[in-house]
Amino acid sequence: MCRRFTTVSGLIPLITGLVAGLSVTHSTQAEYGINFPPPAADVAQEIYDIHMLTMQIATFLLLVVFSIVIYSLYFHRKSRGYPADQQFHNTWFGNWSWVIVPALVLGVDLTIASNADAVLKKVWDVPKGEKLMDVKVTGHQWWWEFDYLDYGIKVESRYTPQEQAGDLYLREVDNRLVLPTNTKIRFLHTSADVLHAFWVPELAFKKDAIPGYVTETWSELNREGVFRGQCAELCGTWHSRMPLVVESISEEKFQAWVADQQAIKVAAAAEAAATKTWSREELMAKGKTLYETKCAACHQLTGQGLPPAFPPLNGSAIVNGPIEAHFNLVINGKPGTAMQAWGSLNDLEIAAIITYERNAWDNRTGDTVQPTDVALAR
């Protein structure tokens, strides 16, 4: 009687664990959002299908193994008087199981791998002989640059601060990567500094961005929507602040967006080329916006920087010293450091940033830099 009671009491934790496991399984089924997001491209759908096939096979094998283990624990326990089999290794199954079980496992692996190999070829082999839209993706510390090579448009994408992003903090950006549906798009990946990785699950691929190299992938979006990803390569202290947001829109909407971006570019170029003499107040206002967008990620909104990698600008000898050195640093960068060249900015933008830096925080040089000064310094 005592032995029977001990056996039953020993089974109670096992039964409790099974019930808890079933309840957890039921709750996870209710929240299906833990699975991969719904694909937005045909190749991504194929990857998703392979994932689901793998999960189904794994779940089936898990049930089979657990059923055998639970059956054995209950019916082959010592309290039922079941003697331990000392000759199992000499039985037919004991001998051949070392062949049968690995063969079954290999069969399962090959079932998955054969499908996966075909899909991987689709992902990495860019279609040849077809008209593709080219988008160059450049990773920076810590923001993304998208060049629409067919349209002469450049978009810089940075994370949105928490007070503006709310629940989407570290998942929202100021400028999204806008792409048309039903168009084959070739992505050309590279990096301006360290290793980054472009990863948006709905687009089917994750691709490293390597300094000095250009690699390519492709995708064709089959539905409209907003798809979120991130840099998937540990690229520095602000790696988490490199979200990716792709906005997929119809071809008609995309062409309208392209027209708007081209008009903005023309207007900005005309403004920068104007012979107007800008007041310090105008340059400070424009410079503050540009600084917070392009410089604050490293040097902070307060100008205190993140030493030693990113020195402070508040009280800096460069910012408060001869303006020629300041020009050279902003336009040409500093080799061997994270300070990149910003010579791609137009003269007005550089003038505004330098004017702001030399008069913000505790810096009080009183300098007002005009676009013509930048043109002479280039």
Protein backbone atom coordinates (compact mmCIF):
# COMPACT_ATOMS: atom_id res chain seq x y z
CA MET A 1 0.00 0.00 0.00
CA CYS A 2 2.81 2.32 0.93
CA ARG A 3 4.59 1.56 -2.35
CA ARG A 4 1.43 2.17 -4.38
CA PHE A 5 0.87 5.49 -2.63
CA THR A 6 4.48 6.53 -3.32
CA THR A 7 4.14 5.65 -7.02
CA VAL A 8 0.90 7.60 -7.43
CA SER A 9 2.31 10.60 -5.59
CA GLY A 10 5.35 10.46 -7.87
CA LEU A 11 3.10 10.66 -10.91
CA ILE A 12 1.32 13.78 -9.66
CA PRO A 13 4.13 16.20 -10.71
CA LEU A 14 4.28 14.49 -14.13
CA ILE A 15 0.53 14.86 -14.67
CA THR A 16 0.63 18.45 -13.42
CA GLY A 17 3.45 19.24 -15.84
CA LEU A 18 1.55 17.73 -18.77
CA VAL A 19 -1.57 19.74 -17.93
CA ALA A 20 0.50 22.92 -17.65
CA GLY A 21 2.17 22.17 -20.96
CA LEU A 22 -1.18 21.67 -22.66
CA SER A 23 -2.47 24.94 -21.26
CA VAL A 24 0.65 26.77 -22.48
CA THR A 25 0.27 25.18 -25.93
CA HIS A 26 -3.35 26.31 -26.04
CA SER A 27 -2.41 29.86 -25.07
CA THR A 28 0.37 30.04 -27.68
CA GLN A 29 -2.03 28.85 -30.33
CA ALA A 30 -4.40 31.62 -29.28
CA GLU A 31 -1.56 34.16 -29.74
CA TYR A 32 -0.34 33.10 -33.17
CA GLY A 33 1.62 36.35 -33.43
CA ILE A 34 4.68 34.59 -32.01
CA ASN A 35 5.13 32.95 -35.40
CA PHE A 36 6.93 34.53 -38.37
CA PRO A 37 5.10 37.56 -39.81
CA PRO A 38 2.94 36.95 -42.92
CA PRO A 39 5.22 37.09 -46.00
CA ALA A 40 4.97 39.94 -48.48
CA ALA A 41 6.85 38.27 -51.35
CA ASP A 42 6.49 34.94 -53.13
CA VAL A 43 9.97 33.75 -52.14
CA ALA A 44 9.29 34.79 -48.55
CA GLN A 45 6.13 32.65 -48.67
CA GLU A 46 8.21 29.65 -49.73
CA ILE A 47 10.59 30.21 -46.80
CA TYR A 48 7.58 30.48 -44.49
CA ASP A 49 6.19 27.21 -45.84
CA ILE A 50 9.49 25.42 -45.17
CA HIS A 51 9.48 26.81 -41.65
CA MET A 52 5.96 25.51 -41.06
CA LEU A 53 6.88 22.08 -42.52
CA THR A 54 9.87 21.90 -40.16
CA MET A 55 7.70 22.81 -37.17
CA GLN A 56 5.10 20.19 -38.11
CA ILE A 57 7.71 17.46 -38.42
CA ALA A 58 9.37 18.52 -35.15
CA THR A 59 6.01 18.56 -33.34
CA PHE A 60 5.12 15.09 -34.64
CA LEU A 61 8.47 13.66 -33.55
CA LEU A 62 8.13 15.35 -30.17
CA LEU A 63 4.74 13.72 -29.61
CA VAL A 64 6.05 10.29 -30.67
CA VAL A 65 9.09 10.46 -28.37
CA PHE A 66 7.14 11.79 -25.40
CA SER A 67 4.44 9.15 -25.88
CA ILE A 68 7.06 6.37 -25.80
CA VAL A 69 8.78 7.88 -22.75
CA ILE A 70 5.53 8.37 -20.80
CA TYR A 71 4.32 4.87 -21.73
CA SER A 72 7.60 3.36 -20.59
CA LEU A 73 7.67 5.35 -17.35
CA TYR A 74 4.20 4.15 -16.43
CA PHE A 75 4.08 0.52 -17.58
CA HIS A 76 7.74 -0.42 -17.05
CA ARG A 77 8.15 0.97 -13.55
CA LYS A 78 9.62 -1.15 -10.79
CA SER A 79 6.53 -0.87 -8.56
CA ARG A 80 4.59 -2.96 -11.10
CA GLY A 81 7.20 -5.66 -10.79
CA TYR A 82 8.61 -5.09 -14.28
CA PRO A 83 12.15 -6.50 -14.45
CA ALA A 84 14.84 -4.51 -16.20
CA ASP A 85 15.77 -6.03 -19.56
CA GLN A 86 19.48 -6.81 -19.39
CA GLN A 87 19.62 -8.20 -22.95
CA PHE A 88 17.91 -5.45 -24.94
CA HIS A 89 21.11 -4.73 -26.81
CA ASN A 90 21.13 -8.25 -28.15
CA THR A 91 17.61 -8.12 -29.58
CA TRP A 92 16.85 -7.43 -33.24
CA PHE A 93 15.66 -3.89 -32.48
CA GLY A 94 18.53 -3.28 -30.11
CA ASN A 95 20.99 -4.07 -32.89
CA TRP A 96 19.29 -2.39 -35.83
CA SER A 97 17.98 0.72 -34.07
CA TRP A 98 21.46 2.24 -34.47
CA VAL A 99 20.86 2.14 -38.21
CA ILE A 100 17.12 2.66 -38.46
CA VAL A 101 16.88 5.76 -36.23
CA PRO A 102 19.73 7.72 -37.91
CA ALA A 103 18.32 6.76 -41.33
CA LEU A 104 14.91 8.15 -40.34
CA VAL A 105 16.51 11.34 -39.02
CA LEU A 106 18.54 11.72 -42.21
CA GLY A 107 15.38 11.20 -44.27
CA VAL A 108 13.66 14.00 -42.37
CA ASP A 109 16.67 16.29 -42.83
CA LEU A 110 16.82 15.62 -46.57
CA THR A 111 13.09 16.26 -46.90
CA ILE A 112 13.58 19.73 -45.45
CA ALA A 113 16.95 20.42 -47.08
CA SER A 114 15.84 19.58 -50.62
CA ASN A 115 13.10 22.21 -50.44
CA ALA A 116 15.36 24.72 -48.70
CA ASP A 117 18.12 24.41 -51.31
CA ALA A 118 15.76 25.30 -54.15
CA VAL A 119 14.39 28.30 -52.27
CA LEU A 120 17.86 29.57 -51.32
CA LYS A 121 18.83 29.57 -54.99
CA LYS A 122 15.82 31.76 -55.72
CA VAL A 123 16.78 34.15 -52.93
CA TRP A 124 20.45 34.61 -53.89
CA ASP A 125 20.24 34.33 -57.69
CA VAL A 126 19.07 37.69 -58.99
CA PRO A 127 16.89 37.26 -62.11
CA LYS A 128 18.86 37.81 -65.29
CA GLY A 129 17.61 39.36 -68.49
CA GLU A 130 14.77 41.20 -66.76
CA LYS A 131 14.18 44.85 -66.00
CA LEU A 132 14.95 45.43 -62.33
CA MET A 133 14.63 48.49 -60.14
CA ASP A 134 17.98 49.09 -58.38
CA VAL A 135 18.15 50.30 -54.78
CA LYS A 136 21.56 50.75 -53.17
CA VAL A 137 21.47 50.11 -49.41
CA THR A 138 24.35 51.57 -47.39
CA GLY A 139 24.73 50.91 -43.68
CA HIS A 140 26.19 53.62 -41.44
CA GLN A 141 26.81 53.93 -37.72
CA TRP A 142 23.92 54.15 -37.04
CA TRP A 143 21.50 54.85 -39.85
CA TRP A 144 20.57 53.64 -43.31
CA GLU A 145 21.04 55.31 -46.69
CA PHE A 146 18.89 54.30 -49.66
CA ASP A 147 19.82 55.36 -53.20
CA TYR A 148 17.14 54.88 -55.84
CA LEU A 149 19.60 54.62 -58.71
CA ASP A 150 16.94 54.70 -61.43
CA TYR A 151 15.44 57.95 -60.16
CA GLY A 152 18.37 59.91 -58.70
CA ILE A 153 16.81 59.95 -55.24
CA LYS A 154 18.64 59.51 -51.94
CA VAL A 155 16.81 58.83 -48.64
CA GLU A 156 18.43 58.81 -45.20
CA SER A 157 16.62 56.74 -42.60
CA ARG A 158 17.18 57.15 -38.85
CA TYR A 159 15.35 55.88 -35.80
CA THR A 160 12.59 58.03 -34.32
CA PRO A 161 13.18 59.25 -30.72
CA GLN A 162 11.05 57.64 -28.02
CA GLU A 163 8.93 60.72 -27.33
CA GLN A 164 7.82 60.71 -30.98
CA ALA A 165 7.72 56.94 -31.67
CA GLY A 166 5.79 55.90 -28.54
CA ASP A 167 5.13 52.15 -28.60
CA LEU A 168 7.14 51.85 -31.82
CA TYR A 169 10.36 53.12 -30.22
CA LEU A 170 13.33 51.48 -31.96
CA ARG A 171 10.84 50.18 -34.56
CA GLU A 172 10.02 53.45 -36.37
CA VAL A 173 12.12 55.73 -38.55
CA ASP A 174 11.90 59.26 -39.90
CA ASN A 175 12.09 58.20 -43.56
CA ARG A 176 10.89 54.79 -44.71
CA LEU A 177 12.20 52.71 -47.59
CA VAL A 178 9.31 53.14 -50.02
CA LEU A 179 8.97 50.37 -52.62
CA PRO A 180 6.41 49.55 -55.32
CA THR A 181 4.45 46.29 -55.47
CA ASN A 182 4.70 43.82 -58.37
CA THR A 183 8.15 45.12 -59.33
CA LYS A 184 11.35 43.11 -59.19
CA ILE A 185 13.79 45.08 -57.04
CA ARG A 186 17.52 44.47 -56.84
CA PHE A 187 19.15 45.55 -53.57
CA LEU A 188 22.86 46.44 -53.70
CA HIS A 189 24.28 46.17 -50.18
CA THR A 190 27.39 47.87 -48.83
CA SER A 191 28.64 49.68 -45.72
CA ALA A 192 30.41 52.96 -45.06
CA ASP A 193 32.13 51.83 -41.87
CA VAL A 194 31.60 48.43 -40.16
CA LEU A 195 29.56 45.29 -40.83
CA HIS A 196 25.80 45.81 -40.91
CA ALA A 197 23.00 43.51 -42.08
CA PHE A 198 19.77 44.38 -43.89
CA TRP A 199 16.94 42.22 -42.52
CA VAL A 200 13.20 42.57 -43.08
CA PRO A 201 11.50 39.16 -42.56
CA GLU A 202 8.60 39.81 -44.94
CA LEU A 203 11.06 40.39 -47.83
CA ALA A 204 12.60 36.91 -47.47
CA PHE A 205 16.27 37.64 -46.89
CA LYS A 206 18.95 38.89 -44.51
CA LYS A 207 22.08 40.23 -46.20
CA ASP A 208 25.33 41.51 -44.72
CA ALA A 209 26.54 44.97 -45.70
CA ILE A 210 30.34 44.74 -45.94
CA PRO A 211 32.69 47.76 -46.19
CA GLY A 212 34.42 47.84 -49.57
CA TYR A 213 32.13 45.25 -51.14
CA VAL A 214 28.79 45.36 -52.95
CA THR A 215 26.55 42.31 -52.65
CA GLU A 216 23.11 41.86 -54.15
CA THR A 217 19.75 40.34 -53.33
CA TRP A 218 16.29 40.84 -54.77
CA SER A 219 12.62 40.72 -53.90
CA GLU A 220 9.22 41.35 -55.45
CA LEU A 221 6.57 42.60 -53.06
CA ASN A 222 3.11 41.21 -53.73
CA ARG A 223 1.05 43.31 -51.33
CA GLU A 224 0.93 46.76 -49.82
CA GLY A 225 1.80 47.33 -46.19
CA VAL A 226 4.41 48.44 -43.68
CA PHE A 227 7.08 45.88 -42.80
CA ARG A 228 9.60 46.33 -40.00
CA GLY A 229 13.07 44.90 -39.62
CA GLN A 230 16.42 45.92 -38.21
CA CYS A 231 20.17 45.69 -38.57
CA ALA A 232 20.99 42.06 -37.79
CA GLU A 233 24.75 42.46 -37.32
CA LEU A 234 26.26 43.74 -34.08
CA CYS A 235 27.68 47.03 -35.38
CA GLY A 236 28.46 49.08 -32.28
CA THR A 237 26.97 50.69 -29.20
CA TRP A 238 23.87 51.94 -31.02
CA HIS A 239 23.22 48.78 -33.00
CA SER A 240 19.69 48.72 -31.56
CA ARG A 241 18.99 52.14 -33.07
CA MET A 242 19.11 50.91 -36.66
CA PRO A 243 15.54 49.84 -37.38
CA LEU A 244 14.36 49.27 -40.93
CA VAL A 245 10.87 50.17 -42.10
CA VAL A 246 9.73 49.22 -45.60
CA GLU A 247 6.52 50.77 -46.93
CA SER A 248 5.09 48.88 -49.88
CA ILE A 249 2.70 50.86 -52.08
CA SER A 250 1.12 50.50 -55.51
CA GLU A 251 3.05 51.45 -58.64
CA GLU A 252 0.85 54.54 -59.14
CA LYS A 253 1.45 55.78 -55.60
CA PHE A 254 5.16 55.06 -55.93
CA GLN A 255 5.49 57.18 -59.07
CA ALA A 256 3.72 60.03 -57.25
CA TRP A 257 6.12 59.64 -54.31
CA VAL A 258 9.09 59.71 -56.70
CA ALA A 259 7.82 62.96 -58.25
CA ASP A 260 7.49 64.53 -54.79
CA GLN A 261 11.02 63.47 -53.79
CA GLN A 262 12.50 64.80 -57.00
CA ALA A 263 10.71 68.13 -56.51
CA ILE A 264 12.07 68.37 -52.95
CA LYS A 265 15.58 67.65 -54.25
CA VAL A 266 15.33 70.35 -56.92
CA ALA A 267 14.01 72.88 -54.39
CA ALA A 268 16.80 72.09 -51.92
CA ALA A 269 19.44 72.48 -54.65
CA ALA A 270 17.96 75.81 -55.76
CA GLU A 271 17.88 77.05 -52.17
CA ALA A 272 21.52 76.08 -51.63
CA ALA A 273 22.62 77.74 -54.88
CA ALA A 274 20.88 81.01 -54.14
CA THR A 275 23.11 84.04 -53.54
CA LYS A 276 21.08 85.01 -50.48
CA THR A 277 22.94 86.07 -47.36
CA TRP A 278 21.48 84.09 -44.49
CA SER A 279 20.97 85.53 -41.02
CA ARG A 280 22.43 83.75 -38.01
CA GLU A 281 18.94 83.00 -36.72
CA GLU A 282 17.98 81.29 -40.00
CA LEU A 283 21.18 79.28 -40.08
CA MET A 284 20.82 78.29 -36.39
CA ALA A 285 17.26 77.05 -36.93
CA LYS A 286 18.20 75.05 -40.02
CA GLY A 287 21.43 73.85 -38.41
CA LYS A 288 19.65 72.61 -35.28
CA THR A 289 17.32 70.44 -37.37
CA LEU A 290 20.19 69.07 -39.46
CA TYR A 291 22.39 68.45 -36.41
CA GLU A 292 19.65 66.52 -34.61
CA THR A 293 19.09 64.44 -37.73
CA LYS A 294 22.65 63.74 -38.86
CA CYS A 295 25.02 64.37 -35.95
CA ALA A 296 23.19 63.76 -32.67
CA ALA A 297 23.37 59.96 -32.97
CA CYS A 298 27.09 60.16 -32.16
CA HIS A 299 27.63 63.55 -30.53
CA GLN A 300 24.33 63.65 -28.59
CA LEU A 301 21.70 66.37 -28.53
CA THR A 302 23.59 68.04 -25.71
CA GLY A 303 26.89 68.05 -27.64
CA GLN A 304 28.50 65.92 -24.91
CA GLY A 305 29.36 63.05 -27.27
CA LEU A 306 30.16 59.46 -26.27
CA PRO A 307 33.89 59.55 -25.41
CA PRO A 308 36.31 58.18 -26.41
CA ALA A 309 34.77 57.09 -29.75
CA PHE A 310 32.69 60.25 -30.21
CA PRO A 311 34.27 63.33 -28.64
CA PRO A 312 32.11 66.14 -27.26
CA LEU A 313 31.44 69.19 -29.43
CA ASN A 314 30.51 71.36 -26.47
CA GLY A 315 33.77 73.08 -25.59
CA SER A 316 35.63 71.30 -28.39
CA ALA A 317 38.94 72.80 -29.53
CA ILE A 318 37.97 72.16 -33.15
CA VAL A 319 34.55 73.78 -32.86
CA ASN A 320 35.90 76.77 -30.94
CA GLY A 321 39.17 77.02 -32.86
CA PRO A 322 40.08 78.18 -36.39
CA ILE A 323 37.10 77.73 -38.68
CA GLU A 324 39.25 76.20 -41.44
CA ALA A 325 39.89 73.10 -39.31
CA HIS A 326 36.16 72.83 -38.62
CA PHE A 327 35.41 73.02 -42.35
CA ASN A 328 37.96 70.32 -43.12
CA LEU A 329 36.64 67.93 -40.45
CA VAL A 330 33.00 68.20 -41.53
CA ILE A 331 33.64 68.08 -45.27
CA ASN A 332 36.39 65.44 -45.37
CA GLY A 333 35.90 63.50 -42.13
CA LYS A 334 38.76 61.99 -40.17
CA PRO A 335 40.33 58.76 -41.50
CA GLY A 336 40.72 55.98 -38.96
CA THR A 337 37.82 57.21 -36.84
CA ALA A 338 34.02 57.02 -36.94
CA MET A 339 33.91 60.64 -38.17
CA GLN A 340 32.75 60.25 -41.76
CA ALA A 341 32.96 62.84 -44.52
CA TRP A 342 29.83 64.94 -44.95
CA GLY A 343 30.92 66.55 -48.19
CA SER A 344 27.85 65.08 -49.90
CA LEU A 345 25.73 67.70 -48.13
CA ASN A 346 25.12 70.90 -50.05
CA ASP A 347 26.83 74.16 -49.12
CA LEU A 348 23.83 75.54 -47.25
CA GLU A 349 23.46 72.42 -45.11
CA ILE A 350 27.12 72.41 -44.11
CA ALA A 351 27.03 76.14 -43.41
CA ALA A 352 24.00 75.71 -41.18
CA ILE A 353 25.50 72.79 -39.23
CA ILE A 354 28.81 74.56 -38.62
CA THR A 355 27.07 77.79 -37.62
CA TYR A 356 24.91 75.87 -35.16
CA GLU A 357 27.80 73.91 -33.64
CA ARG A 358 29.91 77.07 -33.13
CA ASN A 359 27.10 78.89 -31.36
CA ALA A 360 25.16 76.13 -29.53
CA TRP A 361 25.42 74.96 -25.91
CA ASP A 362 28.40 76.69 -24.25
CA ASN A 363 30.10 77.50 -27.57
CA ARG A 364 29.98 81.22 -28.26
CA THR A 365 32.27 81.94 -31.20
CA GLY A 366 29.74 84.30 -32.78
CA ASP A 367 30.59 82.96 -36.27
CA THR A 368 28.01 83.02 -39.05
CA VAL A 369 28.98 80.74 -41.93
CA GLN A 370 27.51 81.41 -45.36
CA PRO A 371 27.15 78.81 -48.18
CA THR A 372 29.72 80.79 -50.19
CA ASP A 373 32.26 80.20 -47.39
CA VAL A 374 31.70 76.46 -47.67
CA ALA A 375 32.06 76.56 -51.45
CA LEU A 376 35.47 78.24 -51.06
CA ALA A 377 36.55 75.70 -48.43
CA ARG A 378 35.74 72.61 -50.54
